Amino acid sequence: MKTYVGINSEQLKAFTQLPKDTPVMMLNLLKFKAHVPETGLTGAETYKNYMIAGTPFFERTNAEVLYFGKPQTMLIGPEDETLWDKIIMVKYNTIADFLGMVQAEGYPLDLRAQALEDSRLIHCG
């Protein structure tokens, strides 16, 4: 099974070609590692530290977390499919704000990657 924790450069390139003043919603699907060797913590604990370290960057871009929680029940889909550990929906005022945040010096992208076994980051209109 292939997993994903880093940004795909081809998809990022296409995303950066969109009008920069367009509002954007990002859907994050997260599956945490049981143990993160780099931090000595669980993936969930490491992700919590990522969120704490990332908060100043979110605040500077006026990002708004619309939902942060755990999926509960599969109503449509395979009964045996494992649900994600957490789902986050974040609203950014513009694509430029999002890109500026993730490309800013000191943004804790490595901490996010360390915490995750698998993830999806989906641009929603």
PDB file of N, CA and C in Angstrom:
ATOM      1  N   MET A   1       0.839  -1.182   0.000  1.00  0.00           N
ATOM      2  CA  MET A   1       0.000   0.000   0.000  1.00  0.00           C
ATOM      3  C   MET A   1       0.883   1.244   0.000  1.00  0.00           C
ATOM      4  N   LYS A   2       0.670   2.133  -0.947  1.00  0.00           N
ATOM      5  CA  LYS A   2       1.429   3.378  -1.030  1.00  0.00           C
ATOM      6  C   LYS A   2       0.833   4.393  -0.054  1.00  0.00           C
ATOM      7  N   THR A   3       1.709   5.141   0.611  1.00  0.00           N
ATOM      8  CA  THR A   3       1.261   6.182   1.538  1.00  0.00           C
ATOM      9  C   THR A   3       1.784   7.533   1.080  1.00  0.00           C
ATOM     10  N   TYR A   4       1.195   8.590   1.618  1.00  0.00           N
ATOM     11  CA  TYR A   4       1.529   9.946   1.200  1.00  0.00           C
ATOM     12  C   TYR A   4       1.630  10.856   2.417  1.00  0.00           C
ATOM     13  N   VAL A   5       2.764  11.513   2.564  1.00  0.00           N
ATOM     14  CA  VAL A   5       2.900  12.483   3.654  1.00  0.00           C
ATOM     15  C   VAL A   5       3.504  13.804   3.183  1.00  0.00           C
ATOM     16  N   GLY A   6       4.113  13.821   2.001  1.00  0.00           N
ATOM     17  CA  GLY A   6       4.722  15.038   1.478  1.00  0.00           C
ATOM     18  C   GLY A   6       3.962  15.584   0.293  1.00  0.00           C
ATOM     19  N   ILE A   7       4.192  16.847   0.001  1.00  0.00           N
ATOM     20  CA  ILE A   7       3.526  17.497  -1.123  1.00  0.00           C
ATOM     21  C   ILE A   7       4.104  16.964  -2.433  1.00  0.00           C
ATOM     22  N   ASN A   8       3.230  16.625  -3.363  1.00  0.00           N
ATOM     23  CA  ASN A   8       3.619  16.173  -4.693  1.00  0.00           C
ATOM     24  C   ASN A   8       3.991  17.404  -5.512  1.00  0.00           C
ATOM     25  N   SER A   9       5.214  17.470  -5.993  1.00  0.00           N
ATOM     26  CA  SER A   9       5.707  18.666  -6.680  1.00  0.00           C
ATOM     27  C   SER A   9       4.912  18.982  -7.953  1.00  0.00           C
ATOM     28  N   GLU A  10       4.482  17.969  -8.695  1.00  0.00           N
ATOM     29  CA  GLU A  10       3.692  18.210  -9.910  1.00  0.00           C
ATOM     30  C   GLU A  10       2.328  18.806  -9.568  1.00  0.00           C
ATOM     31  N   GLN A  11       1.689  18.255  -8.548  1.00  0.00           N
ATOM     32  CA  GLN A  11       0.387  18.773  -8.155  1.00  0.00           C
ATOM     33  C   GLN A  11       0.516  20.174  -7.557  1.00  0.00           C
ATOM     34  N   LEU A  12       1.600  20.411  -6.809  1.00  0.00           N
ATOM     35  CA  LEU A  12       1.837  21.741  -6.244  1.00  0.00           C
ATOM     36  C   LEU A  12       2.045  22.754  -7.360  1.00  0.00           C
ATOM     37  N   LYS A  13       2.781  22.363  -8.392  1.00  0.00           N
ATOM     38  CA  LYS A  13       3.024  23.259  -9.523  1.00  0.00           C
ATOM     39  C   LYS A  13       1.698  23.661 -10.170  1.00  0.00           C
ATOM     40  N   ALA A  14       0.804  22.712 -10.380  1.00  0.00           N
ATOM     41  CA  ALA A  14      -0.509  23.012 -10.959  1.00  0.00           C
ATOM     42  C   ALA A  14      -1.319  23.915 -10.033  1.00  0.00           C
ATOM     43  N   PHE A  15      -1.244  23.651  -8.741  1.00  0.00           N
ATOM     44  CA  PHE A  15      -1.972  24.444  -7.757  1.00  0.00           C
ATOM     45  C   PHE A  15      -1.481  25.896  -7.765  1.00  0.00           C
ATOM     46  N   THR A  16      -0.165  26.094  -7.910  1.00  0.00           N
ATOM     47  CA  THR A  16       0.395  27.452  -7.886  1.00  0.00           C
ATOM     48  C   THR A  16       0.025  28.249  -9.135  1.00  0.00           C
ATOM     49  N   GLN A  17      -0.479  27.574 -10.165  1.00  0.00           N
ATOM     50  CA  GLN A  17      -0.897  28.277 -11.383  1.00  0.00           C
ATOM     51  C   GLN A  17      -2.313  28.852 -11.264  1.00  0.00           C
ATOM     52  N   LEU A  18      -3.029  28.489 -10.213  1.00  0.00           N
ATOM     53  CA  LEU A  18      -4.382  29.021 -10.002  1.00  0.00           C
ATOM     54  C   LEU A  18      -4.291  30.486  -9.588  1.00  0.00           C
ATOM     55  N   PRO A  19      -5.356  31.268  -9.816  1.00  0.00           N
ATOM     56  CA  PRO A  19      -5.337  32.675  -9.388  1.00  0.00           C
ATOM     57  C   PRO A  19      -5.057  32.777  -7.885  1.00  0.00           C
ATOM     58  N   LYS A  20      -4.032  33.555  -7.543  1.00  0.00           N
ATOM     59  CA  LYS A  20      -3.552  33.629  -6.157  1.00  0.00           C
ATOM     60  C   LYS A  20      -4.537  34.269  -5.192  1.00  0.00           C
ATOM     61  N   ASP A  21      -5.510  35.043  -5.712  1.00  0.00           N
ATOM     62  CA  ASP A  21      -6.456  35.718  -4.827  1.00  0.00           C
ATOM     63  C   ASP A  21      -7.719  34.898  -4.573  1.00  0.00           C
ATOM     64  N   THR A  22      -7.729  33.658  -5.043  1.00  0.00           N
ATOM     65  CA  THR A  22      -8.878  32.767  -4.873  1.00  0.00           C
ATOM     66  C   THR A  22      -8.930  32.213  -3.446  1.00  0.00           C
ATOM     67  N   PRO A  23     -10.094  32.308  -2.781  1.00  0.00           N
ATOM     68  CA  PRO A  23     -10.229  31.656  -1.469  1.00  0.00           C
ATOM     69  C   PRO A  23     -10.059  30.146  -1.626  1.00  0.00           C
ATOM     70  N   VAL A  24      -9.609  29.492  -0.573  1.00  0.00           N
ATOM     71  CA  VAL A  24      -9.340  28.059  -0.678  1.00  0.00           C
ATOM     72  C   VAL A  24      -9.707  27.340   0.623  1.00  0.00           C
ATOM     73  N   MET A  25     -10.220  26.138   0.460  1.00  0.00           N
ATOM     74  CA  MET A  25     -10.491  25.244   1.582  1.00  0.00           C
ATOM     75  C   MET A  25      -9.585  24.040   1.380  1.00  0.00           C
ATOM     76  N   MET A  26      -8.979  23.587   2.481  1.00  0.00           N
ATOM     77  CA  MET A  26      -8.119  22.411   2.418  1.00  0.00           C
ATOM     78  C   MET A  26      -8.677  21.340   3.347  1.00  0.00           C
ATOM     79  N   LEU A  27      -8.920  20.180   2.776  1.00  0.00           N
ATOM     80  CA  LEU A  27      -9.373  19.016   3.532  1.00  0.00           C
ATOM     81  C   LEU A  27      -8.154  18.149   3.823  1.00  0.00           C
ATOM     82  N   ASN A  28      -7.890  17.912   5.090  1.00  0.00           N
ATOM     83  CA  ASN A  28      -6.765  17.089   5.542  1.00  0.00           C
ATOM     84  C   ASN A  28      -7.312  15.781   6.109  1.00  0.00           C
ATOM     85  N   LEU A  29      -6.880  14.651   5.559  1.00  0.00           N
ATOM     86  CA  LEU A  29      -7.214  13.339   6.092  1.00  0.00           C
ATOM     87  C   LEU A  29      -5.927  12.785   6.686  1.00  0.00           C
ATOM     88  N   LEU A  30      -5.967  12.396   7.951  1.00  0.00           N
ATOM     89  CA  LEU A  30      -4.743  12.057   8.673  1.00  0.00           C
ATOM     90  C   LEU A  30      -4.787  10.668   9.303  1.00  0.00           C
ATOM     91  N   LYS A  31      -3.716   9.917   9.086  1.00  0.00           N
ATOM     92  CA  LYS A  31      -3.504   8.614   9.749  1.00  0.00           C
ATOM     93  C   LYS A  31      -2.160   8.735  10.467  1.00  0.00           C
ATOM     94  N   PHE A  32      -2.183   8.625  11.794  1.00  0.00           N
ATOM     95  CA  PHE A  32      -0.984   8.834  12.597  1.00  0.00           C
ATOM     96  C   PHE A  32      -0.152   7.562  12.747  1.00  0.00           C
ATOM     97  N   LYS A  33       1.165   7.761  12.885  1.00  0.00           N
ATOM     98  CA  LYS A  33       2.059   6.661  13.219  1.00  0.00           C
ATOM     99  C   LYS A  33       1.795   6.247  14.665  1.00  0.00           C
ATOM    100  N   ALA A  34       2.013   4.960  14.957  1.00  0.00           N
ATOM    101  CA  ALA A  34       1.897   4.489  16.344  1.00  0.00           C
ATOM    102  C   ALA A  34       3.018   5.087  17.188  1.00  0.00           C
ATOM    103  N   HIS A  35       4.225   5.167  16.612  1.00  0.00           N
ATOM    104  CA  HIS A  35       5.395   5.693  17.327  1.00  0.00           C
ATOM    105  C   HIS A  35       6.265   6.488  16.354  1.00  0.00           C
ATOM    106  N   VAL A  36       6.724   7.647  16.807  1.00  0.00           N
ATOM    107  CA  VAL A  36       7.589   8.511  15.996  1.00  0.00           C
ATOM    108  C   VAL A  36       8.988   8.477  16.596  1.00  0.00           C
ATOM    109  N   PRO A  37       9.939   7.788  15.964  1.00  0.00           N
ATOM    110  CA  PRO A  37      11.286   7.671  16.516  1.00  0.00           C
ATOM    111  C   PRO A  37      11.961   9.026  16.773  1.00  0.00           C
ATOM    112  N   GLU A  38      11.734   9.999  15.858  1.00  0.00           N
ATOM    113  CA  GLU A  38      12.387  11.302  15.983  1.00  0.00           C
ATOM    114  C   GLU A  38      11.962  12.069  17.231  1.00  0.00           C
ATOM    115  N   THR A  39      10.727  11.843  17.693  1.00  0.00           N
ATOM    116  CA  THR A  39      10.218  12.595  18.851  1.00  0.00           C
ATOM    117  C   THR A  39      10.053  11.729  20.097  1.00  0.00           C
ATOM    118  N   GLY A  40       9.992  10.401  19.906  1.00  0.00           N
ATOM    119  CA  GLY A  40       9.740   9.512  21.034  1.00  0.00           C
ATOM    120  C   GLY A  40       8.286   9.528  21.480  1.00  0.00           C
ATOM    121  N   LEU A  41       7.420  10.149  20.682  1.00  0.00           N
ATOM    122  CA  LEU A  41       5.998  10.273  21.018  1.00  0.00           C
ATOM    123  C   LEU A  41       5.167   9.464  20.025  1.00  0.00           C
ATOM    124  N   THR A  42       3.877   9.425  20.257  1.00  0.00           N
ATOM    125  CA  THR A  42       2.976   8.840  19.264  1.00  0.00           C
ATOM    126  C   THR A  42       2.804   9.841  18.120  1.00  0.00           C
ATOM    127  N   GLY A  43       2.271   9.371  17.024  1.00  0.00           N
ATOM    128  CA  GLY A  43       1.984  10.269  15.917  1.00  0.00           C
ATOM    129  C   GLY A  43       0.973  11.337  16.296  1.00  0.00           C
ATOM    130  N   ALA A  44      -0.041  10.952  17.059  1.00  0.00           N
ATOM    131  CA  ALA A  44      -1.053  11.920  17.493  1.00  0.00           C
ATOM    132  C   ALA A  44      -0.425  13.004  18.369  1.00  0.00           C
ATOM    133  N   GLU A  45       0.468  12.607  19.269  1.00  0.00           N
ATOM    134  CA  GLU A  45       1.142  13.582  20.131  1.00  0.00           C
ATOM    135  C   GLU A  45       2.065  14.484  19.315  1.00  0.00           C
ATOM    136  N   THR A  46       2.769  13.900  18.365  1.00  0.00           N
ATOM    137  CA  THR A  46       3.663  14.679  17.509  1.00  0.00           C
ATOM    138  C   THR A  46       2.865  15.650  16.649  1.00  0.00           C
ATOM    139  N   TYR A  47       1.700  15.211  16.157  1.00  0.00           N
ATOM    140  CA  TYR A  47       0.859  16.100  15.356  1.00  0.00           C
ATOM    141  C   TYR A  47       0.332  17.252  16.209  1.00  0.00           C
ATOM    142  N   LYS A  48       0.013  16.965  17.447  1.00  0.00           N
ATOM    143  CA  LYS A  48      -0.419  18.033  18.361  1.00  0.00           C
ATOM    144  C   LYS A  48       0.701  19.069  18.498  1.00  0.00           C
ATOM    145  N   ASN A  49       1.939  18.622  18.600  1.00  0.00           N
ATOM    146  CA  ASN A  49       3.075  19.549  18.677  1.00  0.00           C
ATOM    147  C   ASN A  49       3.229  20.336  17.371  1.00  0.00           C
ATOM    148  N   TYR A  50       2.945  19.684  16.241  1.00  0.00           N
ATOM    149  CA  TYR A  50       2.958  20.377  14.945  1.00  0.00           C
ATOM    150  C   TYR A  50       1.919  21.498  14.949  1.00  0.00           C
ATOM    151  N   MET A  51       0.732  21.202  15.436  1.00  0.00           N
ATOM    152  CA  MET A  51      -0.327  22.207  15.469  1.00  0.00           C
ATOM    153  C   MET A  51       0.062  23.381  16.370  1.00  0.00           C
ATOM    154  N   ILE A  52       0.690  23.084  17.490  1.00  0.00           N
ATOM    155  CA  ILE A  52       1.140  24.158  18.386  1.00  0.00           C
ATOM    156  C   ILE A  52       2.206  25.006  17.691  1.00  0.00           C
ATOM    157  N   ALA A  53       3.192  24.350  17.070  1.00  0.00           N
ATOM    158  CA  ALA A  53       4.261  25.070  16.378  1.00  0.00           C
ATOM    159  C   ALA A  53       3.731  25.816  15.152  1.00  0.00           C
ATOM    160  N   GLY A  54       2.705  25.284  14.528  1.00  0.00           N
ATOM    161  CA  GLY A  54       2.142  25.904  13.332  1.00  0.00           C
ATOM    162  C   GLY A  54       1.165  27.029  13.604  1.00  0.00           C
ATOM    163  N   THR A  55       0.664  27.135  14.828  1.00  0.00           N
ATOM    164  CA  THR A  55      -0.351  28.136  15.152  1.00  0.00           C
ATOM    165  C   THR A  55       0.057  29.556  14.774  1.00  0.00           C
ATOM    166  N   PRO A  56       1.265  30.009  15.070  1.00  0.00           N
ATOM    167  CA  PRO A  56       1.622  31.377  14.653  1.00  0.00           C
ATOM    168  C   PRO A  56       1.539  31.571  13.132  1.00  0.00           C
ATOM    169  N   PHE A  57       1.855  30.537  12.365  1.00  0.00           N
ATOM    170  CA  PHE A  57       1.780  30.623  10.908  1.00  0.00           C
ATOM    171  C   PHE A  57       0.321  30.679  10.451  1.00  0.00           C
ATOM    172  N   PHE A  58      -0.549  29.871  11.105  1.00  0.00           N
ATOM    173  CA  PHE A  58      -1.979  29.895  10.786  1.00  0.00           C
ATOM    174  C   PHE A  58      -2.556  31.270  11.100  1.00  0.00           C
ATOM    175  N   GLU A  59      -2.174  31.819  12.256  1.00  0.00           N
ATOM    176  CA  GLU A  59      -2.686  33.126  12.673  1.00  0.00           C
ATOM    177  C   GLU A  59      -2.264  34.230  11.722  1.00  0.00           C
ATOM    178  N   ARG A  60      -1.017  34.191  11.260  1.00  0.00           N
ATOM    179  CA  ARG A  60      -0.533  35.227  10.323  1.00  0.00           C
ATOM    180  C   ARG A  60      -1.303  35.206   9.009  1.00  0.00           C
ATOM    181  N   THR A  61      -1.786  34.051   8.605  1.00  0.00           N
ATOM    182  CA  THR A  61      -2.536  33.959   7.348  1.00  0.00           C
ATOM    183  C   THR A  61      -4.040  34.056   7.564  1.00  0.00           C
ATOM    184  N   ASN A  62      -4.461  34.259   8.805  1.00  0.00           N
ATOM    185  CA  ASN A  62      -5.890  34.301   9.138  1.00  0.00           C
ATOM    186  C   ASN A  62      -6.610  33.028   8.724  1.00  0.00           C
ATOM    187  N   ALA A  63      -5.899  31.894   8.796  1.00  0.00           N
ATOM    188  CA  ALA A  63      -6.523  30.611   8.485  1.00  0.00           C
ATOM    189  C   ALA A  63      -7.573  30.299   9.547  1.00  0.00           C
ATOM    190  N   GLU A  64      -8.623  29.658   9.121  1.00  0.00           N
ATOM    191  CA  GLU A  64      -9.714  29.309  10.035  1.00  0.00           C
ATOM    192  C   GLU A  64      -9.954  27.801   9.980  1.00  0.00           C
ATOM    193  N   VAL A  65      -9.765  27.140  11.116  1.00  0.00           N
ATOM    194  CA  VAL A  65     -10.055  25.713  11.196  1.00  0.00           C
ATOM    195  C   VAL A  65     -11.569  25.576  11.360  1.00  0.00           C
ATOM    196  N   LEU A  66     -12.215  25.025  10.347  1.00  0.00           N
ATOM    197  CA  LEU A  66     -13.668  24.876  10.368  1.00  0.00           C
ATOM    198  C   LEU A  66     -14.094  23.592  11.066  1.00  0.00           C
ATOM    199  N   TYR A  67     -13.242  22.580  10.975  1.00  0.00           N
ATOM    200  CA  TYR A  67     -13.554  21.304  11.619  1.00  0.00           C
ATOM    201  C   TYR A  67     -12.251  20.577  11.927  1.00  0.00           C
ATOM    202  N   PHE A  68     -12.184  20.008  13.116  1.00  0.00           N
ATOM    203  CA  PHE A  68     -11.056  19.167  13.504  1.00  0.00           C
ATOM    204  C   PHE A  68     -11.638  18.074  14.388  1.00  0.00           C
ATOM    205  N   GLY A  69     -11.720  16.872  13.851  1.00  0.00           N
ATOM    206  CA  GLY A  69     -12.322  15.804  14.625  1.00  0.00           C
ATOM    207  C   GLY A  69     -12.048  14.439  14.030  1.00  0.00           C
ATOM    208  N   LYS A  70     -12.677  13.458  14.622  1.00  0.00           N
ATOM    209  CA  LYS A  70     -12.489  12.058  14.240  1.00  0.00           C
ATOM    210  C   LYS A  70     -13.721  11.563  13.495  1.00  0.00           C
ATOM    211  N   PRO A  71     -13.507  10.925  12.344  1.00  0.00           N
ATOM    212  CA  PRO A  71     -14.655  10.342  11.653  1.00  0.00           C
ATOM    213  C   PRO A  71     -15.263   9.226  12.507  1.00  0.00           C
ATOM    214  N   GLN A  72     -16.567   9.108  12.444  1.00  0.00           N
ATOM    215  CA  GLN A  72     -17.268   8.176  13.328  1.00  0.00           C
ATOM    216  C   GLN A  72     -17.805   6.932  12.622  1.00  0.00           C
ATOM    217  N   THR A  73     -18.559   7.133  11.556  1.00  0.00           N
ATOM    218  CA  THR A  73     -19.275   6.018  10.943  1.00  0.00           C
ATOM    219  C   THR A  73     -19.242   6.136   9.425  1.00  0.00           C
ATOM    220  N   MET A  74     -18.967   5.054   8.740  1.00  0.00           N
ATOM    221  CA  MET A  74     -18.990   5.010   7.284  1.00  0.00           C
ATOM    222  C   MET A  74     -20.428   4.752   6.859  1.00  0.00           C
ATOM    223  N   LEU A  75     -21.082   5.792   6.317  1.00  0.00           N
ATOM    224  CA  LEU A  75     -22.460   5.639   5.873  1.00  0.00           C
ATOM    225  C   LEU A  75     -22.546   5.226   4.406  1.00  0.00           C
ATOM    226  N   ILE A  76     -21.595   5.692   3.615  1.00  0.00           N
ATOM    227  CA  ILE A  76     -21.494   5.279   2.214  1.00  0.00           C
ATOM    228  C   ILE A  76     -20.048   4.881   1.976  1.00  0.00           C
ATOM    229  N   GLY A  77     -19.853   3.658   1.602  1.00  0.00           N
ATOM    230  CA  GLY A  77     -18.490   3.178   1.364  1.00  0.00           C
ATOM    231  C   GLY A  77     -18.316   1.783   1.932  1.00  0.00           C
ATOM    232  N   PRO A  78     -17.141   1.205   1.709  1.00  0.00           N
ATOM    233  CA  PRO A  78     -16.883  -0.162   2.170  1.00  0.00           C
ATOM    234  C   PRO A  78     -16.910  -0.265   3.690  1.00  0.00           C
ATOM    235  N   GLU A  79     -17.608  -1.270   4.172  1.00  0.00           N
ATOM    236  CA  GLU A  79     -17.734  -1.473   5.620  1.00  0.00           C
ATOM    237  C   GLU A  79     -16.403  -1.795   6.287  1.00  0.00           C
ATOM    238  N   ASP A  80     -15.497  -2.431   5.547  1.00  0.00           N
ATOM    239  CA  ASP A  80     -14.243  -2.853   6.151  1.00  0.00           C
ATOM    240  C   ASP A  80     -13.109  -1.833   5.970  1.00  0.00           C
ATOM    241  N   GLU A  81     -13.402  -0.683   5.345  1.00  0.00           N
ATOM    242  CA  GLU A  81     -12.372   0.337   5.145  1.00  0.00           C
ATOM    243  C   GLU A  81     -12.065   1.031   6.467  1.00  0.00           C
ATOM    244  N   THR A  82     -10.775   1.156   6.755  1.00  0.00           N
ATOM    245  CA  THR A  82     -10.353   1.825   7.978  1.00  0.00           C
ATOM    246  C   THR A  82     -10.539   3.324   7.815  1.00  0.00           C
ATOM    247  N   LEU A  83     -11.164   3.945   8.795  1.00  0.00           N
ATOM    248  CA  LEU A  83     -11.371   5.388   8.753  1.00  0.00           C
ATOM    249  C   LEU A  83     -10.090   6.120   9.135  1.00  0.00           C
ATOM    250  N   TRP A  84      -9.973   7.344   8.718  1.00  0.00           N
ATOM    251  CA  TRP A  84      -8.832   8.183   9.074  1.00  0.00           C
ATOM    252  C   TRP A  84      -8.874   8.480  10.563  1.00  0.00           C
ATOM    253  N   ASP A  85      -7.710   8.755  11.155  1.00  0.00           N
ATOM    254  CA  ASP A  85      -7.655   9.084  12.586  1.00  0.00           C
ATOM    255  C   ASP A  85      -8.278  10.447  12.869  1.00  0.00           C
ATOM    256  N   LYS A  86      -7.993  11.415  12.013  1.00  0.00           N
ATOM    257  CA  LYS A  86      -8.536  12.771  12.169  1.00  0.00           C
ATOM    258  C   LYS A  86      -8.819  13.363  10.800  1.00  0.00           C
ATOM    259  N   ILE A  87      -9.760  14.297  10.784  1.00  0.00           N
ATOM    260  CA  ILE A  87     -10.089  15.074   9.601  1.00  0.00           C
ATOM    261  C   ILE A  87     -10.044  16.544  10.006  1.00  0.00           C
ATOM    262  N   ILE A  88      -9.398  17.353   9.162  1.00  0.00           N
ATOM    263  CA  ILE A  88      -9.353  18.790   9.422  1.00  0.00           C
ATOM    264  C   ILE A  88      -9.770  19.511   8.147  1.00  0.00           C
ATOM    265  N   MET A  89     -10.655  20.492   8.287  1.00  0.00           N
ATOM    266  CA  MET A  89     -11.031  21.360   7.178  1.00  0.00           C
ATOM    267  C   MET A  89     -10.601  22.771   7.560  1.00  0.00           C
ATOM    268  N   VAL A  90      -9.714  23.368   6.719  1.00  0.00           N
ATOM    269  CA  VAL A  90      -9.168  24.692   7.000  1.00  0.00           C
ATOM    270  C   VAL A  90      -9.496  25.625   5.845  1.00  0.00           C
ATOM    271  N   LYS A  91      -9.954  26.827   6.195  1.00  0.00           N
ATOM    272  CA  LYS A  91     -10.273  27.853   5.201  1.00  0.00           C
ATOM    273  C   LYS A  91      -9.159  28.903   5.214  1.00  0.00           C
ATOM    274  N   TYR A  92      -8.656  29.222   4.020  1.00  0.00           N
ATOM    275  CA  TYR A  92      -7.661  30.281   3.832  1.00  0.00           C
ATOM    276  C   TYR A  92      -8.294  31.358   2.967  1.00  0.00           C
ATOM    277  N   ASN A  93      -7.996  32.616   3.245  1.00  0.00           N
ATOM    278  CA  ASN A  93      -8.578  33.710   2.466  1.00  0.00           C
ATOM    279  C   ASN A  93      -8.155  33.662   1.010  1.00  0.00           C
ATOM    280  N   THR A  94      -6.919  33.256   0.766  1.00  0.00           N
ATOM    281  CA  THR A  94      -6.438  33.169  -0.616  1.00  0.00           C
ATOM    282  C   THR A  94      -5.443  32.024  -0.753  1.00  0.00           C
ATOM    283  N   ILE A  95      -5.257  31.600  -1.995  1.00  0.00           N
ATOM    284  CA  ILE A  95      -4.237  30.596  -2.296  1.00  0.00           C
ATOM    285  C   ILE A  95      -2.863  31.145  -1.929  1.00  0.00           C
ATOM    286  N   ALA A  96      -2.648  32.439  -2.167  1.00  0.00           N
ATOM    287  CA  ALA A  96      -1.365  33.074  -1.826  1.00  0.00           C
ATOM    288  C   ALA A  96      -1.087  32.955  -0.328  1.00  0.00           C
ATOM    289  N   ASP A  97      -2.111  33.097   0.513  1.00  0.00           N
ATOM    290  CA  ASP A  97      -1.933  32.951   1.963  1.00  0.00           C
ATOM    291  C   ASP A  97      -1.477  31.541   2.317  1.00  0.00           C
ATOM    292  N   PHE A  98      -2.137  30.549   1.727  1.00  0.00           N
ATOM    293  CA  PHE A  98      -1.765  29.157   1.995  1.00  0.00           C
ATOM    294  C   PHE A  98      -0.331  28.881   1.555  1.00  0.00           C
ATOM    295  N   LEU A  99       0.012  29.288   0.329  1.00  0.00           N
ATOM    296  CA  LEU A  99       1.364  29.041  -0.185  1.00  0.00           C
ATOM    297  C   LEU A  99       2.413  29.770   0.642  1.00  0.00           C
ATOM    298  N   GLY A 100       2.110  30.997   1.024  1.00  0.00           N
ATOM    299  CA  GLY A 100       3.040  31.753   1.861  1.00  0.00           C
ATOM    300  C   GLY A 100       3.284  31.069   3.188  1.00  0.00           C
ATOM    301  N   MET A 101       2.228  30.489   3.754  1.00  0.00           N
ATOM    302  CA  MET A 101       2.352  29.804   5.037  1.00  0.00           C
ATOM    303  C   MET A 101       3.236  28.571   4.932  1.00  0.00           C
ATOM    304  N   VAL A 102       2.942  27.685   3.992  1.00  0.00           N
ATOM    305  CA  VAL A 102       3.684  26.426   3.927  1.00  0.00           C
ATOM    306  C   VAL A 102       5.112  26.604   3.421  1.00  0.00           C
ATOM    307  N   GLN A 103       5.384  27.740   2.780  1.00  0.00           N
ATOM    308  CA  GLN A 103       6.731  28.007   2.283  1.00  0.00           C
ATOM    309  C   GLN A 103       7.521  28.945   3.194  1.00  0.00           C
ATOM    310  N   ALA A 104       6.901  29.396   4.289  1.00  0.00           N
ATOM    311  CA  ALA A 104       7.562  30.338   5.198  1.00  0.00           C
ATOM    312  C   ALA A 104       8.709  29.663   5.942  1.00  0.00           C
ATOM    313  N   GLU A 105       9.766  30.425   6.167  1.00  0.00           N
ATOM    314  CA  GLU A 105      10.903  29.917   6.933  1.00  0.00           C
ATOM    315  C   GLU A 105      10.437  29.540   8.336  1.00  0.00           C
ATOM    316  N   GLY A 106      10.802  28.354   8.762  1.00  0.00           N
ATOM    317  CA  GLY A 106      10.446  27.887  10.095  1.00  0.00           C
ATOM    318  C   GLY A 106       9.130  27.139  10.189  1.00  0.00           C
ATOM    319  N   TYR A 107       8.348  27.091   9.078  1.00  0.00           N
ATOM    320  CA  TYR A 107       7.094  26.350   9.121  1.00  0.00           C
ATOM    321  C   TYR A 107       7.410  24.879   9.399  1.00  0.00           C
ATOM    322  N   PRO A 108       6.730  24.262  10.390  1.00  0.00           N
ATOM    323  CA  PRO A 108       7.099  22.913  10.866  1.00  0.00           C
ATOM    324  C   PRO A 108       6.597  21.754  10.004  1.00  0.00           C
ATOM    325  N   LEU A 109       6.821  21.823   8.703  1.00  0.00           N
ATOM    326  CA  LEU A 109       6.379  20.766   7.790  1.00  0.00           C
ATOM    327  C   LEU A 109       6.994  19.418   8.135  1.00  0.00           C
ATOM    328  N   ASP A 110       8.243  19.427   8.619  1.00  0.00           N
ATOM    329  CA  ASP A 110       8.903  18.167   8.969  1.00  0.00           C
ATOM    330  C   ASP A 110       8.216  17.483  10.148  1.00  0.00           C
ATOM    331  N   LEU A 111       7.727  18.259  11.095  1.00  0.00           N
ATOM    332  CA  LEU A 111       7.029  17.698  12.254  1.00  0.00           C
ATOM    333  C   LEU A 111       5.721  17.039  11.814  1.00  0.00           C
ATOM    334  N   ARG A 112       5.028  17.654  10.869  1.00  0.00           N
ATOM    335  CA  ARG A 112       3.800  17.080  10.321  1.00  0.00           C
ATOM    336  C   ARG A 112       4.116  15.739   9.668  1.00  0.00           C
ATOM    337  N   ALA A 113       5.151  15.720   8.823  1.00  0.00           N
ATOM    338  CA  ALA A 113       5.514  14.492   8.112  1.00  0.00           C
ATOM    339  C   ALA A 113       5.934  13.390   9.079  1.00  0.00           C
ATOM    340  N   GLN A 114       6.656  13.741  10.126  1.00  0.00           N
ATOM    341  CA  GLN A 114       7.092  12.748  11.115  1.00  0.00           C
ATOM    342  C   GLN A 114       5.896  12.093  11.800  1.00  0.00           C
ATOM    343  N   ALA A 115       4.840  12.841  12.037  1.00  0.00           N
ATOM    344  CA  ALA A 115       3.677  12.353  12.780  1.00  0.00           C
ATOM    345  C   ALA A 115       2.809  11.390  11.983  1.00  0.00           C
ATOM    346  N   LEU A 116       2.881  11.487  10.655  1.00  0.00           N
ATOM    347  CA  LEU A 116       1.905  10.805   9.822  1.00  0.00           C
ATOM    348  C   LEU A 116       2.410   9.520   9.178  1.00  0.00           C
ATOM    349  N   GLU A 117       1.548   8.529   9.214  1.00  0.00           N
ATOM    350  CA  GLU A 117       1.763   7.289   8.478  1.00  0.00           C
ATOM    351  C   GLU A 117       1.243   7.465   7.052  1.00  0.00           C
ATOM    352  N   ASP A 118       0.131   8.197   6.923  1.00  0.00           N
ATOM    353  CA  ASP A 118      -0.488   8.447   5.632  1.00  0.00           C
ATOM    354  C   ASP A 118      -1.355   9.687   5.762  1.00  0.00           C
ATOM    355  N   SER A 119      -1.573  10.379   4.645  1.00  0.00           N
ATOM    356  CA  SER A 119      -2.423  11.568   4.681  1.00  0.00           C
ATOM    357  C   SER A 119      -2.896  11.911   3.291  1.00  0.00           C
ATOM    358  N   ARG A 120      -3.885  12.786   3.252  1.00  0.00           N
ATOM    359  CA  ARG A 120      -4.350  13.402   2.009  1.00  0.00           C
ATOM    360  C   ARG A 120      -4.550  14.879   2.323  1.00  0.00           C
ATOM    361  N   LEU A 121      -4.149  15.733   1.399  1.00  0.00           N
ATOM    362  CA  LEU A 121      -4.418  17.164   1.492  1.00  0.00           C
ATOM    363  C   LEU A 121      -5.134  17.523   0.203  1.00  0.00           C
ATOM    364  N   ILE A 122      -6.403  17.858   0.328  1.00  0.00           N
ATOM    365  CA  ILE A 122      -7.258  18.023  -0.833  1.00  0.00           C
ATOM    366  C   ILE A 122      -7.744  19.461  -0.920  1.00  0.00           C
ATOM    367  N   HIS A 123      -7.396  20.115  -2.030  1.00  0.00           N
ATOM    368  CA  HIS A 123      -7.868  21.485  -2.304  1.00  0.00           C
ATOM    369  C   HIS A 123      -9.326  21.387  -2.721  1.00  0.00           C
ATOM    370  N   CYS A 124     -10.170  22.102  -2.001  1.00  0.00           N
ATOM    371  CA  CYS A 124     -11.600  22.119  -2.290  1.00  0.00           C
ATOM    372  C   CYS A 124     -12.010  23.547  -2.658  1.00  0.00           C
ATOM    373  N   GLY A 125     -12.874  23.693  -3.624  1.00  0.00           N
ATOM    374  CA  GLY A 125     -13.318  25.022  -4.070  1.00  0.00           C
ATOM    375  C   GLY A 125     -14.424  25.556  -3.226  1.00  0.00           C
TER     376      GLY A 125
END
